[in-house]
Amino acid sequence: GGFVAMASADKKIKIFSVQTGVVRHTLIAHTDAVISLAWGLGDVLASGSRDKTVIIWDPETGKVKKVLEGHTDRVLSIAFSPDDRYIISGSRDRSAWLWDLANESKSK
């Protein structure tokens, strides 16, 4: 079955089963409101927050895979590349970062 994720101002992300509507996981790691979410094609979810970070999650386990830091203001938008290798994030600091998840590098 499929899943849907919901971000909120309480710093949490809830992952629901589409079939049952039941919460499968509550993801907690951000220290401020979660503003944006993006699903990758693989089993991966990314979240952007007012805490200036992007977190990569394993939605099956609810565990943090990576925390991406570099923005100096809230992360407003995030998107995966078609192959899930890269994430681009846009921030209120007027920057966009391209994150190479395979090599754990970033560029503005």
Protein backbone atom coordinates (compact mmCIF):
# COMPACT_ATOMS: atom_id res chain seq x y z
CA GLY A 1 0.00 0.00 0.00
CA GLY A 2 0.92 3.65 -0.34
CA PHE A 3 1.70 6.30 2.19
CA VAL A 4 1.04 9.99 2.54
CA ALA A 5 3.05 12.38 4.71
CA MET A 6 1.84 15.45 6.58
CA ALA A 7 4.10 18.18 7.94
CA SER A 8 3.13 20.51 10.75
CA ALA A 9 4.12 23.46 12.88
CA ASP A 10 4.54 21.15 15.91
CA LYS A 11 7.92 19.99 14.44
CA LYS A 12 6.52 16.56 13.56
CA ILE A 13 5.81 14.65 10.36
CA LYS A 14 3.13 11.98 10.31
CA ILE A 15 3.13 9.18 7.78
CA PHE A 16 -0.29 7.65 7.14
CA SER A 17 -1.30 4.49 5.35
CA VAL A 18 -3.42 5.45 2.33
CA GLN A 19 -5.48 2.27 2.66
CA THR A 20 -6.31 2.48 6.36
CA GLY A 21 -5.74 6.13 7.28
CA VAL A 22 -3.79 4.95 10.32
CA VAL A 23 -0.59 6.76 11.35
CA ARG A 24 2.32 4.44 10.61
CA HIS A 25 5.08 6.69 11.98
CA THR A 26 5.48 10.05 13.66
CA LEU A 27 8.85 11.48 12.63
CA ILE A 28 10.54 13.72 15.18
CA ALA A 29 13.94 15.36 14.61
CA HIS A 30 13.36 18.97 13.53
CA THR A 31 13.66 21.68 16.19
CA ASP A 32 11.15 24.05 14.53
CA ALA A 33 8.10 23.89 12.24
CA VAL A 34 8.29 21.58 9.22
CA ILE A 35 7.46 23.59 6.09
CA SER A 36 8.08 21.31 3.11
CA LEU A 37 8.11 17.63 2.19
CA ALA A 38 9.23 15.71 -0.88
CA TRP A 39 9.01 12.02 -1.70
CA GLY A 40 11.80 10.39 -3.67
CA LEU A 41 11.10 7.52 -6.03
CA GLY A 42 12.84 5.07 -3.72
CA ASP A 43 11.83 4.61 -0.12
CA VAL A 44 12.95 8.08 0.92
CA LEU A 45 11.30 11.22 2.23
CA ALA A 46 12.87 14.66 2.68
CA SER A 47 11.67 17.45 4.94
CA GLY A 48 12.60 21.13 5.15
CA SER A 49 12.10 23.22 8.24
CA ARG A 50 12.24 26.62 9.90
CA ASP A 51 15.24 25.15 11.77
CA LYS A 52 17.28 25.69 8.53
CA THR A 53 17.82 21.96 7.88
CA VAL A 54 16.76 19.33 5.38
CA ILE A 55 16.31 15.86 6.85
CA ILE A 56 16.32 12.67 4.79
CA TRP A 57 14.12 9.95 6.27
CA ASP A 58 13.51 6.25 5.79
CA PRO A 59 9.70 6.22 5.79
CA GLU A 60 9.56 2.45 6.36
CA THR A 61 11.38 2.67 9.69
CA GLY A 62 10.77 6.31 10.61
CA LYS A 63 14.52 6.80 11.14
CA VAL A 64 16.70 9.75 10.09
CA LYS A 65 19.10 8.85 7.28
CA LYS A 66 20.87 12.25 6.93
CA VAL A 67 20.66 15.81 8.18
CA LEU A 68 21.68 18.44 5.62
CA GLU A 69 22.88 21.78 6.99
CA GLY A 70 23.94 24.93 5.17
CA HIS A 71 21.02 27.34 4.92
CA THR A 72 20.98 30.42 7.15
CA ASP A 73 17.18 30.78 7.21
CA ARG A 74 14.13 28.51 6.94
CA VAL A 75 13.97 25.92 4.16
CA LEU A 76 10.89 26.70 2.06
CA SER A 77 11.04 24.08 -0.69
CA ILE A 78 12.75 20.83 -1.57
CA ALA A 79 12.69 18.43 -4.52
CA PHE A 80 14.46 15.22 -5.53
CA SER A 81 16.16 14.67 -8.87
CA PRO A 82 14.57 11.91 -10.99
CA ASP A 83 17.22 9.40 -9.84
CA ASP A 84 17.04 10.37 -6.12
CA ARG A 85 20.77 11.19 -6.14
CA TYR A 86 20.29 14.93 -5.64
CA ILE A 87 18.04 17.19 -3.63
CA ILE A 88 17.61 20.87 -4.33
CA SER A 89 16.48 23.08 -1.48
CA GLY A 90 15.36 26.68 -1.52
CA SER A 91 15.48 28.92 1.52
CA ARG A 92 14.25 32.24 2.78
CA ASP A 93 17.96 33.18 2.85
CA ARG A 94 17.59 33.56 -0.95
CA SER A 95 19.84 30.61 -1.71
CA ALA A 96 19.29 27.29 -3.41
CA TRP A 97 21.52 24.35 -2.54
CA LEU A 98 22.08 21.25 -4.64
CA TRP A 99 22.87 18.33 -2.37
CA ASP A 100 24.65 15.27 -3.80
CA LEU A 101 23.39 12.50 -1.55
CA ALA A 102 25.75 9.87 -2.95
CA ASN A 103 28.91 11.91 -2.29
CA GLU A 104 27.55 13.87 0.66
CA SER A 105 28.51 17.18 -0.93
CA LYS A 106 26.64 20.43 -1.62
CA SER A 107 26.90 23.43 -3.92
CA LYS A 108 25.13 26.77 -4.15
